Protein backbone atom coordinates (compact mmCIF):
# COMPACT_ATOMS: atom_id res chain seq x y z
CA MET A 1 135.89 -2.38 125.25
CA PHE A 2 137.93 -0.31 122.70
CA LEU A 3 137.43 -2.75 119.95
CA SER A 4 133.91 -1.75 119.34
CA VAL A 5 132.99 -0.71 115.79
CA PRO A 6 132.36 3.03 115.41
CA THR A 7 129.26 4.53 113.98
CA ASP A 8 129.30 6.16 110.40
CA THR A 9 129.54 9.52 112.08
CA PHE A 10 132.48 8.45 114.33
CA THR A 11 134.15 7.03 111.14
CA VAL A 12 133.80 10.35 109.27
CA CYS A 13 135.11 12.46 112.26
CA ARG A 14 137.86 9.83 112.88
CA ASP A 15 139.07 10.03 109.30
CA ALA A 16 138.94 13.82 109.22
CA ALA A 17 141.12 13.91 112.63
CA GLY A 18 143.60 11.32 111.16
CA ILE A 19 144.10 13.06 107.90
CA ALA A 20 144.62 16.31 109.62
CA GLY A 21 147.07 14.54 111.93
CA ASN A 22 148.88 13.23 109.02
CA ILE A 23 149.15 16.80 107.49
CA PHE A 24 150.45 18.34 110.71
CA ALA A 25 153.00 15.53 111.28
CA PHE A 26 154.57 16.23 107.94
CA GLY A 27 155.50 19.64 109.39
CA LEU A 28 157.24 17.81 112.12
CA PHE A 29 159.17 15.39 109.79
CA VAL A 30 160.40 18.17 107.68
CA SER A 31 161.51 20.36 110.65
CA PRO A 32 165.13 18.86 110.77
CA ILE A 33 165.80 19.83 107.09
CA PRO A 34 167.55 23.22 107.94
CA THR A 35 169.89 21.20 110.32
CA PHE A 36 170.77 18.75 107.57
CA ARG A 37 171.36 21.48 105.06
CA ARG A 38 173.95 22.82 107.43
CA ILE A 39 175.47 19.37 108.07
CA ILE A 40 175.64 18.58 104.41
CA ARG A 41 177.20 22.14 103.69
CA ASN A 42 179.73 21.82 106.33
CA GLN A 43 180.25 18.08 105.83
CA SER A 44 180.29 17.62 109.54
CA THR A 45 177.59 16.79 112.29
CA GLU A 46 179.49 19.36 114.59
CA HIS A 47 177.89 19.34 117.97
CA PHE A 48 174.47 17.91 116.67
CA SER A 49 173.36 14.55 118.17
CA GLY A 50 171.89 11.70 116.11
CA LEU A 51 170.11 10.05 119.01
CA PRO A 52 166.70 11.98 118.47
CA TYR A 53 166.50 10.49 115.05
CA ILE A 54 167.24 7.04 116.36
CA TYR A 55 164.52 7.29 118.99
CA ALA A 56 162.15 8.88 116.45
CA LEU A 57 162.73 5.93 114.13
CA LEU A 58 162.08 3.29 116.91
CA ASN A 59 158.89 5.14 117.80
CA CYS A 60 157.62 5.37 114.20
CA LEU A 61 158.28 1.58 113.59
CA ILE A 62 156.63 0.57 116.73
CA CYS A 63 153.65 2.78 115.98
CA THR A 64 153.62 1.47 112.23
CA TRP A 65 153.52 -2.05 113.50
CA TYR A 66 150.59 -1.22 115.75
CA GLY A 67 148.67 0.44 112.83
CA THR A 68 148.84 -2.79 110.69
CA PRO A 69 145.57 -4.84 110.31
CA LEU A 70 147.63 -7.73 112.08
CA ILE A 71 147.57 -5.82 115.33
CA SER A 72 144.67 -3.25 115.36
CA TYR A 73 141.33 -2.48 113.62
CA ASP A 74 140.90 0.52 111.32
CA ASN A 75 144.12 2.40 112.01
CA VAL A 76 145.35 2.86 108.54
CA LEU A 77 146.03 6.53 109.15
CA VAL A 78 148.33 5.60 112.08
CA LEU A 79 150.04 3.21 109.77
CA THR A 80 150.51 5.74 107.05
CA VAL A 81 151.80 8.73 109.14
CA ASN A 82 154.28 6.47 111.00
CA SER A 83 155.52 4.68 107.92
CA ILE A 84 156.12 8.14 106.31
CA GLY A 85 157.93 9.24 109.52
CA ALA A 86 160.08 6.18 109.52
CA VAL A 87 161.22 6.91 105.90
CA PHE A 88 162.21 10.63 106.94
CA GLN A 89 164.13 9.43 110.01
CA ILE A 90 165.93 6.56 108.00
CA ALA A 91 166.97 9.41 105.54
CA TYR A 92 168.22 11.68 108.30
CA ILE A 93 170.16 8.85 109.97
CA ILE A 94 171.90 7.93 106.65
CA LEU A 95 172.76 11.75 106.07
CA PHE A 96 174.08 11.85 109.71
CA ILE A 97 176.14 8.74 109.26
CA ILE A 98 177.72 10.02 106.05
CA ASN A 99 178.76 13.24 107.44
CA ALA A 100 179.86 12.06 110.94
CA ASP A 101 183.27 11.40 112.17
CA LYS A 102 184.46 7.69 112.42
CA GLU A 103 183.34 7.32 116.13
CA LYS A 104 180.01 8.78 115.66
CA LYS A 105 179.55 6.68 112.52
CA MET A 106 180.18 3.47 114.28
CA LYS A 107 177.97 4.49 117.30
CA MET A 108 175.00 5.40 114.83
CA LEU A 109 175.37 2.26 112.87
CA GLY A 110 175.34 0.28 116.08
CA LEU A 111 172.18 2.03 117.29
CA LEU A 112 170.45 1.59 113.88
CA LEU A 113 171.13 -2.11 113.90
CA ALA A 114 169.82 -2.28 117.43
CA VAL A 115 166.50 -0.55 116.45
CA PHE A 116 165.91 -2.91 113.59
CA GLY A 117 166.86 -5.90 115.80
CA LEU A 118 164.58 -4.69 118.57
CA ILE A 119 161.60 -4.10 116.11
CA ALA A 120 162.23 -7.50 114.53
CA ILE A 121 161.96 -9.10 118.21
CA ILE A 122 158.83 -6.89 118.70
CA ILE A 123 157.28 -8.26 115.49
CA ALA A 124 158.19 -11.89 115.91
CA GLY A 125 157.26 -11.96 119.55
CA SER A 126 153.85 -10.41 118.98
CA LEU A 127 153.03 -12.78 116.03
CA GLN A 128 153.62 -15.62 118.43
CA ILE A 129 150.52 -14.49 120.52
CA VAL A 130 147.68 -16.45 119.06
CA ASP A 131 145.06 -14.34 120.88
CA ARG A 132 144.22 -11.27 118.65
CA GLU A 133 143.17 -9.17 121.60
CA ILE A 134 146.14 -9.93 123.82
CA ARG A 135 148.43 -9.26 120.97
CA TRP A 136 146.79 -5.84 120.35
CA ILE A 137 147.07 -5.04 124.14
CA PHE A 138 150.91 -6.11 124.02
CA VAL A 139 151.87 -3.89 121.04
CA GLY A 140 149.44 -1.25 122.27
CA LEU A 141 151.12 -0.82 125.44
CA LEU A 142 154.46 -0.64 123.67
CA SER A 143 153.41 2.01 121.19
CA CYS A 144 151.62 3.97 124.14
CA ALA A 145 154.69 3.96 126.26
CA SER A 146 156.87 4.93 123.32
CA LEU A 147 154.61 7.97 122.43
CA ILE A 148 154.39 9.09 126.07
CA SER A 149 158.18 9.07 126.41
CA MET A 150 158.40 10.88 123.08
CA PHE A 151 155.91 13.70 124.12
CA ALA A 152 157.68 13.94 127.58
CA SER A 153 161.13 14.82 125.80
CA PRO A 154 159.96 18.55 125.51
CA LEU A 155 159.98 18.77 129.28
CA PHE A 156 163.62 19.53 129.14
CA ILE A 157 162.98 22.34 126.64
CA ILE A 158 160.21 23.71 128.92
CA ASN A 159 162.49 23.75 131.95
CA LEU A 160 165.22 25.41 129.86
CA VAL A 161 162.83 28.15 128.78
CA ILE A 162 161.63 28.63 132.44
CA ARG A 163 165.14 28.96 133.68
CA THR A 164 166.49 31.19 131.01
CA LYS A 165 163.29 33.17 130.45
CA SER A 166 163.97 32.81 126.78
CA VAL A 167 162.12 31.08 123.96
CA GLU A 168 165.33 30.94 121.80
CA PHE A 169 165.39 27.12 122.14
CA MET A 170 161.67 26.67 121.59
CA PRO A 171 160.84 27.03 117.94
CA PHE A 172 157.27 28.26 117.57
CA TYR A 173 156.26 26.37 114.38
CA LEU A 174 157.72 23.14 115.84
CA SER A 175 155.70 23.59 119.05
CA LEU A 176 152.57 24.51 117.02
CA SER A 177 152.97 21.48 114.71
CA THR A 178 153.41 19.14 117.65
CA PHE A 179 150.28 20.59 119.38
CA LEU A 180 148.10 20.35 116.26
CA MET A 181 149.22 16.77 115.53
CA SER A 182 148.75 15.71 119.07
CA THR A 183 145.25 17.14 119.19
CA SER A 184 144.30 15.61 115.81
CA PHE A 185 145.34 12.20 116.88
CA PHE A 186 143.74 12.58 120.37
CA LEU A 187 140.58 13.22 118.57
CA TYR A 188 141.29 10.38 116.18
CA GLY A 189 141.72 8.07 119.09
CA ILE A 190 138.48 9.15 120.80
CA PHE A 191 136.47 8.64 117.66
CA ASN A 192 138.08 5.33 117.13
CA LEU A 193 137.59 4.37 120.73
CA ASP A 194 141.37 3.50 120.95
CA ALA A 195 142.94 4.32 124.36
CA PHE A 196 146.41 3.47 123.12
CA ILE A 197 146.15 6.34 120.72
CA TYR A 198 144.01 8.93 122.73
CA VAL A 199 145.93 8.64 126.06
CA PRO A 200 149.45 9.49 124.79
CA ASN A 201 148.12 12.07 122.33
CA GLY A 202 146.04 13.69 125.20
CA ILE A 203 149.27 13.96 127.22
CA GLY A 204 151.02 15.46 124.13
CA THR A 205 148.17 17.96 123.72
CA ILE A 206 148.43 19.13 127.13
CA LEU A 207 152.23 19.49 126.83
CA GLY A 208 151.76 21.38 123.51
CA ILE A 209 149.42 23.87 125.31
CA VAL A 210 152.06 24.40 127.92
CA GLN A 211 154.76 24.90 125.44
CA LEU A 212 152.52 27.56 123.42
CA ALA A 213 151.63 29.23 126.61
CA LEU A 214 155.17 29.61 127.75
CA TYR A 215 156.26 30.75 124.31
CA PHE A 216 153.77 33.52 124.01
CA TYR A 217 154.20 34.59 127.88
CA PHE A 218 158.10 34.83 127.50
CA LYS A 219 157.96 36.19 123.94
CA ARG A 220 155.69 39.07 125.22
CA LYS A 221 157.80 39.56 128.29
CA SER A 222 160.92 39.91 126.04
CA VAL A 223 159.31 42.36 123.87
CA GLU A 224 158.16 44.49 126.98
CA ASP A 225 161.59 44.46 128.39
CA SER A 226 163.15 45.58 125.07
CA ARG A 227 160.80 48.62 125.12
CA GLU A 228 161.93 49.68 128.54
CA PRO A 229 164.32 52.85 128.43
CA LEU A 230 168.00 51.89 128.84
CA VAL A 231 168.63 55.23 130.90
CA SER A 232 165.97 56.52 133.21
CA ASN A 233 165.37 60.18 133.17
CA VAL A 234 166.41 62.08 136.37
């Protein structure tokens, strides 16, 4: 049973892993800043999509709710990282809406209201569940599914890298931050005996290893190709 109280050693290891996860997650949260500098400078969202920020907000809000004492035990660091993440995503969405054309503005506003409506339904619905353990399982499954789908999103980039044999669309530091954050919260979930945390982050860790391996493989290959002579000697 995952609600078992951890030992003192597990508590120290859990907190250390959780703090590390919060630090590495900050790297992910600030990664869109260059994109929004460009958007603000050009006063246009150009070809950029606001959907990733909408989905990230929904994921952060669900996981924030899971981390509250009303749902799970001793998951304060899950609460902190996701609440900070939600603030970042809301800021990005507001900036996107301000600089978007009318059609995109209406679409993003509608999606933002849908996110707040959905999280309100989840909170109100889960609070109707009297049994604390069933409530924990219900919200835990939602947060687990949300995290898995979020970690699965780089599969498109992985496929693109393999097809193009180029790491142009896979920023190294973003992939590294994702891997480090996933690994930290995988360990956090293990030490906290919480499957709803270590299962999705374990998947994220594996996908992070795949991304980094592909990055170094194709990066090295592109360097080797660039060293080949353009004209062979006869």
